[in-house]
Amino acid sequence: MVKDAYKFALPLLAATVLLFLAGTKWPVAIWFGAIFLVLLLFVCYFFRDPQRTIPTDPSVIVSPADGKVVEIVDELLDSRMGHRISIFLNIFNVHVQRAPVAARIADVVYQPGKFYAAFRSDASVENEQNIIYLHAPRGTVVFKQIAGAIARRVICWKTEGENVAIGEHVGLIRFGSRVDVWLPMDTELKVKRGDTVKGGESILARWN
């Protein structure tokens, strides 16, 4: 469980304990305690951070997020053509993001925006997001943490100038969202629309 969970889990735990203790005198409090217990269990589940088997092959680019590949298109980013892979995270997916390549973080740009449903194509451009530029030895990779209709907070734990290893923790999106990955045209894609991927483990593409 990631540390961000504690600001939600600890108040819920305290409320649960107090309500169950109050239930010895006021039985109705037990029902409210049960509701808070369910919320506590959901928070612990949502903020889980399972171990992943991270590839050691330097030619691979891994998924930065868990979820389903909903779109693969070729598009311009900063006047360069590349492949965009969009991954939709439902509320039950792991919401920790990982570095898709070993690289230096060249920039982290926060872009305010809308909160459209994350599975919509226009969410890639119009929704609130963090845009993270990674300068790897073989080229530049960009990925976006995109807020959705439920997700209202995109969090990046890294800053400009830091070096990250492939599969290293980079950030978190709270409660349902989308992650886009932009890759140079000369990369060879290894996923297709509809595939389910795991952050830090599933191979999205290979460098040529």
N, C-alpha and C. Protein backbone atom coordinates (compact mmCIF):
# COMPACT_ATOMS: atom_id res chain seq x y z
N MET A 1 0.85 -1.19 0.00
CA MET A 1 0.00 0.00 0.00
C MET A 1 0.89 1.24 0.00
N VAL A 2 0.61 2.20 -0.89
CA VAL A 2 1.43 3.39 -0.99
C VAL A 2 1.12 4.35 0.16
N LYS A 3 2.08 5.23 0.46
CA LYS A 3 1.95 6.10 1.63
C LYS A 3 0.78 7.07 1.52
N ASP A 4 0.37 7.42 0.29
CA ASP A 4 -0.75 8.34 0.12
C ASP A 4 -2.04 7.78 0.71
N ALA A 5 -2.09 6.48 0.92
CA ALA A 5 -3.31 5.85 1.44
C ALA A 5 -3.58 6.23 2.89
N TYR A 6 -2.53 6.53 3.64
CA TYR A 6 -2.71 6.70 5.08
C TYR A 6 -3.58 7.90 5.44
N LYS A 7 -3.54 8.96 4.63
CA LYS A 7 -4.37 10.13 4.94
C LYS A 7 -5.86 9.82 4.81
N PHE A 8 -6.18 8.76 4.05
CA PHE A 8 -7.56 8.31 3.95
C PHE A 8 -7.86 7.17 4.91
N ALA A 9 -6.90 6.25 5.03
CA ALA A 9 -7.13 5.03 5.80
C ALA A 9 -7.18 5.29 7.31
N LEU A 10 -6.30 6.14 7.83
CA LEU A 10 -6.25 6.35 9.28
C LEU A 10 -7.52 6.98 9.84
N PRO A 11 -8.07 8.04 9.21
CA PRO A 11 -9.35 8.57 9.73
C PRO A 11 -10.48 7.55 9.65
N LEU A 12 -10.51 6.75 8.58
CA LEU A 12 -11.54 5.72 8.46
C LEU A 12 -11.38 4.65 9.53
N LEU A 13 -10.13 4.28 9.81
CA LEU A 13 -9.87 3.29 10.85
C LEU A 13 -10.31 3.80 12.21
N ALA A 14 -9.98 5.06 12.52
CA ALA A 14 -10.37 5.65 13.80
C ALA A 14 -11.89 5.70 13.93
N ALA A 15 -12.57 6.12 12.86
CA ALA A 15 -14.03 6.20 12.89
C ALA A 15 -14.65 4.82 13.06
N THR A 16 -14.08 3.83 12.39
CA THR A 16 -14.59 2.46 12.50
C THR A 16 -14.49 1.94 13.92
N VAL A 17 -13.32 2.13 14.52
CA VAL A 17 -13.11 1.65 15.89
C VAL A 17 -14.07 2.34 16.86
N LEU A 18 -14.17 3.67 16.75
CA LEU A 18 -15.04 4.42 17.65
C LEU A 18 -16.51 4.01 17.51
N LEU A 19 -16.94 3.79 16.28
CA LEU A 19 -18.34 3.40 16.05
C LEU A 19 -18.63 2.00 16.60
N PHE A 20 -17.69 1.08 16.43
CA PHE A 20 -17.91 -0.25 16.99
C PHE A 20 -17.90 -0.23 18.52
N LEU A 21 -17.04 0.62 19.10
CA LEU A 21 -17.05 0.76 20.56
C LEU A 21 -18.37 1.38 21.04
N ALA A 22 -18.84 2.37 20.29
CA ALA A 22 -20.12 3.00 20.65
C ALA A 22 -21.28 2.04 20.50
N GLY A 23 -21.09 1.03 19.67
CA GLY A 23 -22.15 0.05 19.44
C GLY A 23 -22.51 -0.77 20.66
N THR A 24 -21.62 -0.79 21.66
CA THR A 24 -21.94 -1.52 22.91
C THR A 24 -23.08 -0.84 23.66
N LYS A 25 -23.25 0.49 23.43
CA LYS A 25 -24.35 1.22 24.07
C LYS A 25 -25.46 1.56 23.08
N TRP A 26 -25.06 1.88 21.85
CA TRP A 26 -26.04 2.26 20.83
C TRP A 26 -25.86 1.33 19.63
N PRO A 27 -26.64 0.27 19.56
CA PRO A 27 -26.47 -0.74 18.51
C PRO A 27 -26.47 -0.18 17.09
N VAL A 28 -27.18 0.92 16.87
CA VAL A 28 -27.22 1.48 15.51
C VAL A 28 -25.83 1.92 15.05
N ALA A 29 -24.95 2.23 16.00
CA ALA A 29 -23.60 2.67 15.64
C ALA A 29 -22.82 1.57 14.93
N ILE A 30 -23.15 0.31 15.22
CA ILE A 30 -22.46 -0.81 14.58
C ILE A 30 -22.71 -0.79 13.07
N TRP A 31 -23.93 -0.43 12.67
CA TRP A 31 -24.22 -0.36 11.23
C TRP A 31 -23.36 0.69 10.55
N PHE A 32 -23.23 1.84 11.19
CA PHE A 32 -22.36 2.88 10.62
C PHE A 32 -20.90 2.44 10.65
N GLY A 33 -20.53 1.72 11.69
CA GLY A 33 -19.17 1.19 11.76
C GLY A 33 -18.88 0.23 10.62
N ALA A 34 -19.89 -0.58 10.25
CA ALA A 34 -19.72 -1.53 9.14
C ALA A 34 -19.51 -0.79 7.82
N ILE A 35 -20.24 0.33 7.65
CA ILE A 35 -20.07 1.13 6.43
C ILE A 35 -18.65 1.70 6.35
N PHE A 36 -18.16 2.23 7.47
CA PHE A 36 -16.81 2.78 7.49
C PHE A 36 -15.77 1.68 7.30
N LEU A 37 -16.04 0.50 7.78
CA LEU A 37 -15.12 -0.63 7.59
C LEU A 37 -15.01 -0.99 6.10
N VAL A 38 -16.15 -1.01 5.42
CA VAL A 38 -16.13 -1.30 3.97
C VAL A 38 -15.33 -0.23 3.23
N LEU A 39 -15.52 1.04 3.60
CA LEU A 39 -14.76 2.12 2.98
C LEU A 39 -13.27 1.97 3.25
N LEU A 40 -12.92 1.58 4.47
CA LEU A 40 -11.53 1.37 4.84
C LEU A 40 -10.90 0.26 4.00
N LEU A 41 -11.63 -0.84 3.83
CA LEU A 41 -11.11 -1.96 3.04
C LEU A 41 -10.94 -1.55 1.58
N PHE A 42 -11.87 -0.74 1.06
CA PHE A 42 -11.75 -0.29 -0.32
C PHE A 42 -10.52 0.60 -0.49
N VAL A 43 -10.28 1.51 0.44
CA VAL A 43 -9.12 2.39 0.35
C VAL A 43 -7.82 1.57 0.36
N CYS A 44 -7.75 0.58 1.24
CA CYS A 44 -6.55 -0.27 1.30
C CYS A 44 -6.37 -1.03 -0.02
N TYR A 45 -7.47 -1.47 -0.60
CA TYR A 45 -7.41 -2.20 -1.87
C TYR A 45 -7.01 -1.26 -3.01
N PHE A 46 -7.60 -0.08 -3.05
CA PHE A 46 -7.33 0.86 -4.14
C PHE A 46 -5.87 1.29 -4.16
N PHE A 47 -5.29 1.53 -2.99
CA PHE A 47 -3.93 2.04 -2.92
C PHE A 47 -2.88 0.92 -2.83
N ARG A 48 -3.26 -0.29 -3.20
CA ARG A 48 -2.31 -1.40 -3.16
C ARG A 48 -1.17 -1.16 -4.16
N ASP A 49 -0.04 -1.77 -3.87
CA ASP A 49 1.14 -1.61 -4.72
C ASP A 49 1.85 -2.96 -4.84
N PRO A 50 1.33 -3.85 -5.68
CA PRO A 50 1.88 -5.20 -5.77
C PRO A 50 3.27 -5.24 -6.39
N GLN A 51 4.03 -6.26 -6.04
CA GLN A 51 5.34 -6.48 -6.63
C GLN A 51 5.19 -6.82 -8.11
N ARG A 52 6.13 -6.38 -8.92
CA ARG A 52 6.10 -6.66 -10.35
C ARG A 52 7.45 -7.22 -10.79
N THR A 53 7.40 -8.10 -11.79
CA THR A 53 8.61 -8.64 -12.40
C THR A 53 9.00 -7.71 -13.54
N ILE A 54 10.01 -6.90 -13.32
CA ILE A 54 10.39 -5.87 -14.28
C ILE A 54 11.42 -6.43 -15.26
N PRO A 55 11.19 -6.31 -16.56
CA PRO A 55 12.14 -6.83 -17.55
C PRO A 55 13.52 -6.17 -17.43
N THR A 56 14.54 -6.94 -17.71
CA THR A 56 15.91 -6.42 -17.66
C THR A 56 16.46 -6.12 -19.05
N ASP A 57 15.72 -6.48 -20.09
CA ASP A 57 16.15 -6.24 -21.46
C ASP A 57 16.14 -4.74 -21.74
N PRO A 58 17.27 -4.10 -22.07
CA PRO A 58 17.31 -2.65 -22.28
C PRO A 58 16.59 -2.19 -23.54
N SER A 59 16.17 -3.14 -24.39
CA SER A 59 15.51 -2.75 -25.64
C SER A 59 14.00 -2.60 -25.49
N VAL A 60 13.44 -2.90 -24.31
CA VAL A 60 12.00 -2.89 -24.16
C VAL A 60 11.50 -1.60 -23.50
N ILE A 61 10.25 -1.28 -23.79
CA ILE A 61 9.53 -0.19 -23.16
C ILE A 61 8.31 -0.80 -22.49
N VAL A 62 8.17 -0.62 -21.18
CA VAL A 62 7.09 -1.28 -20.45
C VAL A 62 5.93 -0.32 -20.22
N SER A 63 4.81 -0.89 -19.87
CA SER A 63 3.63 -0.08 -19.58
C SER A 63 3.84 0.70 -18.29
N PRO A 64 3.49 1.99 -18.27
CA PRO A 64 3.60 2.75 -17.03
C PRO A 64 2.41 2.54 -16.09
N ALA A 65 1.38 1.81 -16.57
CA ALA A 65 0.15 1.69 -15.77
C ALA A 65 -0.54 0.37 -16.00
N ASP A 66 -1.35 -0.03 -15.03
CA ASP A 66 -2.26 -1.16 -15.19
C ASP A 66 -3.51 -0.67 -15.92
N GLY A 67 -4.12 -1.53 -16.71
CA GLY A 67 -5.36 -1.16 -17.36
C GLY A 67 -5.55 -1.83 -18.69
N LYS A 68 -6.42 -1.24 -19.49
CA LYS A 68 -6.78 -1.78 -20.80
C LYS A 68 -6.38 -0.79 -21.89
N VAL A 69 -5.73 -1.29 -22.93
CA VAL A 69 -5.35 -0.46 -24.06
C VAL A 69 -6.62 -0.12 -24.85
N VAL A 70 -6.98 1.16 -24.87
CA VAL A 70 -8.23 1.57 -25.52
C VAL A 70 -8.00 2.28 -26.85
N GLU A 71 -6.76 2.69 -27.11
CA GLU A 71 -6.51 3.41 -28.35
C GLU A 71 -5.02 3.35 -28.68
N ILE A 72 -4.72 3.15 -29.96
CA ILE A 72 -3.36 3.25 -30.48
C ILE A 72 -3.42 4.06 -31.77
N VAL A 73 -2.80 5.22 -31.78
CA VAL A 73 -2.84 6.08 -32.96
C VAL A 73 -1.46 6.70 -33.18
N ASP A 74 -1.21 7.13 -34.40
CA ASP A 74 -0.02 7.91 -34.71
C ASP A 74 -0.41 9.38 -34.69
N GLU A 75 0.35 10.18 -33.93
CA GLU A 75 0.00 11.60 -33.82
C GLU A 75 1.23 12.43 -33.52
N LEU A 76 1.10 13.74 -33.75
CA LEU A 76 2.18 14.68 -33.49
C LEU A 76 2.22 15.04 -32.01
N LEU A 77 3.44 15.14 -31.49
CA LEU A 77 3.67 15.68 -30.15
C LEU A 77 4.88 16.59 -30.25
N ASP A 78 4.67 17.86 -29.96
CA ASP A 78 5.75 18.85 -30.08
C ASP A 78 6.41 18.78 -31.46
N SER A 79 5.57 18.71 -32.51
CA SER A 79 6.00 18.71 -33.91
C SER A 79 6.73 17.44 -34.34
N ARG A 80 6.65 16.39 -33.52
CA ARG A 80 7.26 15.10 -33.89
C ARG A 80 6.15 14.05 -33.97
N MET A 81 6.21 13.24 -35.02
CA MET A 81 5.24 12.17 -35.18
C MET A 81 5.67 10.96 -34.35
N GLY A 82 4.70 10.32 -33.73
CA GLY A 82 4.99 9.13 -32.94
C GLY A 82 3.75 8.30 -32.71
N HIS A 83 3.90 7.22 -31.94
CA HIS A 83 2.78 6.35 -31.59
C HIS A 83 2.24 6.75 -30.23
N ARG A 84 0.92 6.94 -30.14
CA ARG A 84 0.29 7.16 -28.82
C ARG A 84 -0.50 5.92 -28.42
N ILE A 85 -0.18 5.40 -27.26
CA ILE A 85 -0.91 4.27 -26.68
C ILE A 85 -1.67 4.79 -25.47
N SER A 86 -2.99 4.62 -25.48
CA SER A 86 -3.83 5.09 -24.37
C SER A 86 -4.31 3.90 -23.55
N ILE A 87 -4.14 4.00 -22.23
CA ILE A 87 -4.50 2.93 -21.30
C ILE A 87 -5.56 3.47 -20.34
N PHE A 88 -6.69 2.80 -20.29
CA PHE A 88 -7.78 3.20 -19.39
C PHE A 88 -7.68 2.39 -18.10
N LEU A 89 -7.72 3.10 -16.97
CA LEU A 89 -7.68 2.48 -15.65
C LEU A 89 -9.07 2.59 -15.04
N ASN A 90 -9.70 1.44 -14.77
CA ASN A 90 -10.95 1.51 -14.04
C ASN A 90 -10.67 1.59 -12.54
N ILE A 91 -11.70 1.74 -11.77
CA ILE A 91 -11.52 1.99 -10.34
C ILE A 91 -10.90 0.81 -9.60
N PHE A 92 -10.91 -0.38 -10.22
CA PHE A 92 -10.38 -1.57 -9.57
C PHE A 92 -8.94 -1.88 -9.97
N ASN A 93 -8.38 -1.12 -10.92
CA ASN A 93 -6.99 -1.32 -11.32
C ASN A 93 -6.03 -0.73 -10.29
N VAL A 94 -4.79 -1.22 -10.28
CA VAL A 94 -3.73 -0.58 -9.51
C VAL A 94 -3.50 0.80 -10.11
N HIS A 95 -3.39 1.83 -9.28
CA HIS A 95 -3.29 3.20 -9.77
C HIS A 95 -1.92 3.84 -9.57
N VAL A 96 -0.92 3.04 -9.28
CA VAL A 96 0.46 3.53 -9.21
C VAL A 96 1.06 3.50 -10.61
N GLN A 97 1.75 4.58 -11.00
CA GLN A 97 2.42 4.61 -12.29
C GLN A 97 3.92 4.37 -12.13
N ARG A 98 4.48 3.73 -13.16
CA ARG A 98 5.90 3.37 -13.15
C ARG A 98 6.59 3.90 -14.42
N ALA A 99 7.89 4.08 -14.33
CA ALA A 99 8.65 4.58 -15.48
C ALA A 99 8.69 3.53 -16.59
N PRO A 100 8.32 3.90 -17.82
CA PRO A 100 8.33 2.93 -18.91
C PRO A 100 9.72 2.58 -19.42
N VAL A 101 10.70 3.45 -19.14
CA VAL A 101 12.09 3.23 -19.56
C VAL A 101 13.02 3.79 -18.49
N ALA A 102 14.27 3.36 -18.53
CA ALA A 102 15.30 3.99 -17.71
C ALA A 102 15.68 5.30 -18.38
N ALA A 103 15.59 6.41 -17.65
CA ALA A 103 15.76 7.70 -18.31
C ALA A 103 15.99 8.81 -17.28
N ARG A 104 16.28 9.99 -17.82
CA ARG A 104 16.30 11.20 -17.01
C ARG A 104 15.00 11.95 -17.25
N ILE A 105 14.40 12.43 -16.18
CA ILE A 105 13.16 13.21 -16.32
C ILE A 105 13.53 14.62 -16.78
N ALA A 106 13.19 14.90 -18.03
CA ALA A 106 13.55 16.20 -18.61
C ALA A 106 12.60 17.30 -18.18
N ASP A 107 11.34 16.93 -17.95
CA ASP A 107 10.36 17.94 -17.55
C ASP A 107 9.10 17.26 -17.02
N VAL A 108 8.42 17.93 -16.11
CA VAL A 108 7.09 17.51 -15.63
C VAL A 108 6.19 18.73 -15.75
N VAL A 109 5.20 18.65 -16.64
CA VAL A 109 4.33 19.79 -16.92
C VAL A 109 2.92 19.48 -16.43
N TYR A 110 2.43 20.31 -15.52
CA TYR A 110 1.04 20.17 -15.07
C TYR A 110 0.14 21.00 -15.97
N GLN A 111 -0.92 20.37 -16.47
CA GLN A 111 -1.86 21.05 -17.36
C GLN A 111 -3.27 20.95 -16.77
N PRO A 112 -3.82 22.06 -16.30
CA PRO A 112 -5.21 22.02 -15.80
C PRO A 112 -6.17 21.76 -16.95
N GLY A 113 -7.35 21.25 -16.62
CA GLY A 113 -8.30 20.96 -17.69
C GLY A 113 -9.62 20.43 -17.20
N LYS A 114 -10.31 19.73 -18.08
CA LYS A 114 -11.62 19.18 -17.80
C LYS A 114 -11.51 17.85 -17.05
N PHE A 115 -12.68 17.28 -16.75
CA PHE A 115 -12.75 15.97 -16.11
C PHE A 115 -13.71 15.08 -16.88
N TYR A 116 -13.48 14.98 -18.19
CA TYR A 116 -14.29 14.10 -19.02
C TYR A 116 -14.01 12.64 -18.66
N ALA A 117 -14.93 11.75 -19.01
CA ALA A 117 -14.71 10.32 -18.79
C ALA A 117 -13.40 9.91 -19.45
N ALA A 118 -12.57 9.17 -18.72
CA ALA A 118 -11.20 8.90 -19.16
C ALA A 118 -11.12 8.02 -20.40
N PHE A 119 -12.20 7.29 -20.73
CA PHE A 119 -12.15 6.43 -21.92
C PHE A 119 -12.40 7.23 -23.20
N ARG A 120 -12.81 8.48 -23.10
CA ARG A 120 -13.04 9.32 -24.28
C ARG A 120 -11.71 9.76 -24.88
N SER A 121 -11.64 9.79 -26.21
CA SER A 121 -10.40 10.15 -26.89
C SER A 121 -9.97 11.58 -26.56
N ASP A 122 -10.93 12.50 -26.45
CA ASP A 122 -10.57 13.89 -26.21
C ASP A 122 -10.05 14.13 -24.79
N ALA A 123 -10.16 13.13 -23.92
CA ALA A 123 -9.58 13.26 -22.58
C ALA A 123 -8.06 13.41 -22.65
N SER A 124 -7.44 12.85 -23.68
CA SER A 124 -5.98 12.93 -23.83
C SER A 124 -5.50 14.37 -23.95
N VAL A 125 -6.35 15.24 -24.49
CA VAL A 125 -5.96 16.63 -24.73
C VAL A 125 -6.59 17.57 -23.72
N GLU A 126 -7.85 17.34 -23.38
CA GLU A 126 -8.62 18.35 -22.63
C GLU A 126 -8.66 18.14 -21.12
N ASN A 127 -8.38 16.94 -20.64
CA ASN A 127 -8.48 16.70 -19.19
C ASN A 127 -7.25 17.19 -18.44
N GLU A 128 -7.44 17.42 -17.14
CA GLU A 128 -6.31 17.73 -16.26
C GLU A 128 -5.28 16.63 -16.35
N GLN A 129 -3.98 16.99 -16.38
CA GLN A 129 -2.95 15.96 -16.56
C GLN A 129 -1.57 16.46 -16.16
N ASN A 130 -0.71 15.49 -15.86
CA ASN A 130 0.74 15.72 -15.76
C ASN A 130 1.37 15.13 -17.01
N ILE A 131 2.23 15.89 -17.68
CA ILE A 131 2.95 15.41 -18.85
C ILE A 131 4.40 15.24 -18.45
N ILE A 132 4.89 14.01 -18.53
CA ILE A 132 6.23 13.67 -18.04
C ILE A 132 7.12 13.29 -19.22
N TYR A 133 8.18 14.08 -19.43
CA TYR A 133 9.11 13.86 -20.53
C TYR A 133 10.33 13.08 -20.02
N LEU A 134 10.60 11.96 -20.66
CA LEU A 134 11.71 11.09 -20.28
C LEU A 134 12.73 11.04 -21.40
N HIS A 135 13.97 11.43 -21.10
CA HIS A 135 15.05 11.35 -22.07
C HIS A 135 15.85 10.08 -21.79
N ALA A 136 15.64 9.08 -22.64
CA ALA A 136 16.32 7.79 -22.52
C ALA A 136 17.49 7.75 -23.50
N PRO A 137 18.44 6.84 -23.31
CA PRO A 137 19.59 6.77 -24.22
C PRO A 137 19.20 6.58 -25.68
N ARG A 138 18.07 5.91 -25.94
CA ARG A 138 17.69 5.62 -27.32
C ARG A 138 16.63 6.57 -27.88
N GLY A 139 16.16 7.49 -27.07
CA GLY A 139 15.16 8.42 -27.57
C GLY A 139 14.29 8.97 -26.45
N THR A 140 13.34 9.80 -26.82
CA THR A 140 12.44 10.44 -25.87
C THR A 140 11.12 9.68 -25.78
N VAL A 141 10.68 9.45 -24.57
CA VAL A 141 9.37 8.85 -24.30
C VAL A 141 8.59 9.84 -23.43
N VAL A 142 7.33 10.03 -23.75
CA VAL A 142 6.48 10.94 -22.98
C VAL A 142 5.27 10.16 -22.49
N PHE A 143 4.93 10.33 -21.22
CA PHE A 143 3.65 9.76 -20.79
C PHE A 143 2.88 10.75 -19.94
N LYS A 144 1.56 10.59 -19.99
CA LYS A 144 0.66 11.52 -19.32
C LYS A 144 -0.16 10.80 -18.26
N GLN A 145 -0.23 11.39 -17.08
CA GLN A 145 -1.18 10.97 -16.06
C GLN A 145 -2.42 11.85 -16.23
N ILE A 146 -3.52 11.25 -16.62
CA ILE A 146 -4.70 12.02 -17.00
C ILE A 146 -5.85 11.75 -16.03
N ALA A 147 -6.41 12.81 -15.48
CA ALA A 147 -7.56 12.68 -14.58
C ALA A 147 -8.79 12.29 -15.39
N GLY A 148 -9.75 11.66 -14.71
CA GLY A 148 -11.00 11.26 -15.36
C GLY A 148 -12.20 11.89 -14.67
N ALA A 149 -13.36 11.33 -14.93
CA ALA A 149 -14.59 11.86 -14.35
C ALA A 149 -14.61 11.67 -12.83
N ILE A 150 -13.99 10.58 -12.37
CA ILE A 150 -13.93 10.30 -10.93
C ILE A 150 -12.59 10.73 -10.36
N ALA A 151 -11.51 10.45 -11.11
CA ALA A 151 -10.18 10.85 -10.64
C ALA A 151 -10.05 12.36 -10.67
N ARG A 152 -9.74 12.95 -9.52
CA ARG A 152 -9.63 14.40 -9.46
C ARG A 152 -8.25 14.84 -8.97
N ARG A 153 -7.30 13.92 -9.01
CA ARG A 153 -5.97 14.30 -8.52
C ARG A 153 -4.92 13.45 -9.22
N VAL A 154 -4.02 14.11 -9.95
CA VAL A 154 -2.88 13.43 -10.56
C VAL A 154 -1.64 13.83 -9.78
N ILE A 155 -0.86 12.86 -9.35
CA ILE A 155 0.27 13.11 -8.46
C ILE A 155 1.53 12.52 -9.07
N CYS A 156 2.55 13.36 -9.26
CA CYS A 156 3.86 12.89 -9.70
C CYS A 156 4.84 13.03 -8.55
N TRP A 157 5.53 11.93 -8.23
CA TRP A 157 6.47 11.94 -7.11
C TRP A 157 7.88 12.34 -7.54
N LYS A 158 8.09 12.54 -8.82
CA LYS A 158 9.42 12.85 -9.34
C LYS A 158 9.48 14.30 -9.81
N THR A 159 10.70 14.82 -9.97
CA THR A 159 10.89 16.19 -10.43
C THR A 159 11.90 16.22 -11.57
N GLU A 160 11.92 17.32 -12.26
CA GLU A 160 12.84 17.51 -13.38
C GLU A 160 14.28 17.26 -12.94
N GLY A 161 15.03 16.52 -13.75
CA GLY A 161 16.44 16.25 -13.47
C GLY A 161 16.71 14.93 -12.78
N GLU A 162 15.69 14.31 -12.21
CA GLU A 162 15.88 13.02 -11.56
C GLU A 162 16.05 11.91 -12.59
N ASN A 163 16.84 10.90 -12.22
CA ASN A 163 16.98 9.70 -13.04
C ASN A 163 16.07 8.61 -12.48
N VAL A 164 15.44 7.86 -13.37
CA VAL A 164 14.56 6.77 -12.95
C VAL A 164 14.97 5.49 -13.65
N ALA A 165 14.81 4.37 -12.97
CA ALA A 165 15.03 3.06 -13.56
C ALA A 165 13.75 2.57 -14.20
N ILE A 166 13.85 1.69 -15.14
CA ILE A 166 12.65 1.13 -15.76
C ILE A 166 11.81 0.42 -14.68
N GLY A 167 10.53 0.71 -14.65
CA GLY A 167 9.64 0.12 -13.65
C GLY A 167 9.62 0.82 -12.32
N GLU A 168 10.41 1.88 -12.15
CA GLU A 168 10.44 2.61 -10.86
C GLU A 168 9.15 3.40 -10.67
N HIS A 169 8.71 3.51 -9.42
CA HIS A 169 7.51 4.28 -9.11
C HIS A 169 7.68 5.75 -9.50
N VAL A 170 6.66 6.29 -10.15
CA VAL A 170 6.72 7.67 -10.61
C VAL A 170 5.59 8.51 -10.02
N GLY A 171 4.41 7.92 -9.88
CA GLY A 171 3.29 8.71 -9.40
C GLY A 171 2.04 7.90 -9.17
N LEU A 172 0.94 8.62 -9.00
CA LEU A 172 -0.33 8.00 -8.62
C LEU A 172 -1.47 8.86 -9.16
N ILE A 173 -2.54 8.19 -9.61
CA ILE A 173 -3.78 8.89 -9.94
C ILE A 173 -4.87 8.30 -9.05
N ARG A 174 -5.68 9.16 -8.48
CA ARG A 174 -6.70 8.69 -7.53
C ARG A 174 -8.04 8.43 -8.23
N PHE A 175 -8.50 7.21 -8.12
CA PHE A 175 -9.89 6.81 -8.39
C PHE A 175 -10.33 6.90 -9.86
N GLY A 176 -9.74 6.06 -10.71
CA GLY A 176 -10.19 5.93 -12.10
C GLY A 176 -9.56 6.98 -13.00
N SER A 177 -8.97 6.58 -14.14
CA SER A 177 -8.20 7.56 -14.90
C SER A 177 -7.70 6.97 -16.21
N ARG A 178 -6.70 7.64 -16.79
CA ARG A 178 -6.14 7.26 -18.08
C ARG A 178 -4.66 7.62 -18.09
N VAL A 179 -3.88 6.80 -18.76
CA VAL A 179 -2.46 7.09 -18.97
C VAL A 179 -2.17 6.96 -20.46
N ASP A 180 -1.58 7.98 -21.04
CA ASP A 180 -1.14 7.96 -22.43
C ASP A 180 0.37 7.85 -22.49
N VAL A 181 0.86 7.09 -23.46
CA VAL A 181 2.30 6.95 -23.68
C VAL A 181 2.59 7.33 -25.12
N TRP A 182 3.53 8.25 -25.33
CA TRP A 182 3.94 8.63 -26.68
C TRP A 182 5.33 8.07 -26.93
N LEU A 183 5.47 7.34 -28.04
CA LEU A 183 6.73 6.68 -28.40
C LEU A 183 7.18 7.14 -29.78
N PRO A 184 8.49 7.22 -30.01
CA PRO A 184 8.98 7.59 -31.34
C PRO A 184 8.50 6.60 -32.41
N MET A 185 8.44 7.06 -33.65
CA MET A 185 7.93 6.24 -34.74
C MET A 185 8.77 5.00 -34.99
N ASP A 186 10.07 5.06 -34.66
CA ASP A 186 10.93 3.92 -34.97
C ASP A 186 10.91 2.83 -33.89
N THR A 187 9.93 2.89 -32.98
CA THR A 187 9.75 1.80 -32.01
C THR A 187 8.78 0.78 -32.59
N GLU A 188 8.94 -0.46 -32.18
CA GLU A 188 8.10 -1.56 -32.67
C GLU A 188 7.07 -1.91 -31.60
N LEU A 189 5.79 -1.65 -31.90
CA LEU A 189 4.73 -1.88 -30.92
C LEU A 189 4.50 -3.37 -30.69
N LYS A 190 4.22 -3.71 -29.43
CA LYS A 190 4.00 -5.12 -29.05
C LYS A 190 2.63 -5.34 -28.42
N VAL A 191 1.78 -4.32 -28.45
CA VAL A 191 0.43 -4.46 -27.91
C VAL A 191 -0.58 -4.04 -28.97
N LYS A 192 -1.82 -4.39 -28.75
CA LYS A 192 -2.91 -3.99 -29.64
C LYS A 192 -4.08 -3.50 -28.80
N ARG A 193 -5.02 -2.85 -29.46
CA ARG A 193 -6.19 -2.35 -28.76
C ARG A 193 -6.96 -3.51 -28.13
N GLY A 194 -7.37 -3.33 -26.88
CA GLY A 194 -8.10 -4.36 -26.16
C GLY A 194 -7.23 -5.18 -25.23
N ASP A 195 -5.89 -5.07 -25.36
CA ASP A 195 -4.99 -5.82 -24.48
C ASP A 195 -5.05 -5.26 -23.05
N THR A 196 -4.90 -6.16 -22.07
CA THR A 196 -4.77 -5.76 -20.67
C THR A 196 -3.30 -5.75 -20.31
N VAL A 197 -2.84 -4.68 -19.68
CA VAL A 197 -1.41 -4.53 -19.37
C VAL A 197 -1.21 -4.28 -17.88
N LYS A 198 0.01 -4.56 -17.43
CA LYS A 198 0.40 -4.32 -16.04
C LYS A 198 1.57 -3.34 -16.01
N GLY A 199 1.48 -2.36 -15.12
CA GLY A 199 2.52 -1.36 -15.00
C GLY A 199 3.85 -1.96 -14.56
N GLY A 200 4.92 -1.57 -15.28
CA GLY A 200 6.27 -2.02 -14.95
C GLY A 200 6.59 -3.42 -15.42
N GLU A 201 5.64 -4.12 -16.00
CA GLU A 201 5.83 -5.53 -16.34
C GLU A 201 5.49 -5.83 -17.81
N SER A 202 4.36 -5.37 -18.29
CA SER A 202 3.93 -5.67 -19.65
C SER A 202 4.75 -4.85 -20.65
N ILE A 203 5.21 -5.47 -21.71
CA ILE A 203 6.01 -4.80 -22.73
C ILE A 203 5.09 -4.14 -23.76
N LEU A 204 5.21 -2.82 -23.89
CA LEU A 204 4.43 -2.07 -24.87
C LEU A 204 5.10 -2.05 -26.24
N ALA A 205 6.43 -1.93 -26.22
CA ALA A 205 7.16 -1.76 -27.49
C ALA A 205 8.63 -2.09 -27.27
N ARG A 206 9.34 -2.14 -28.39
CA ARG A 206 10.80 -2.33 -28.37
C ARG A 206 11.46 -1.23 -29.21
N TRP A 207 12.65 -0.82 -28.77
CA TRP A 207 13.44 0.09 -29.57
C TRP A 207 14.00 -0.68 -30.76
N ASN A 208 14.02 -0.05 -31.91
CA ASN A 208 14.64 -0.64 -33.09
C ASN A 208 16.10 -0.18 -33.16
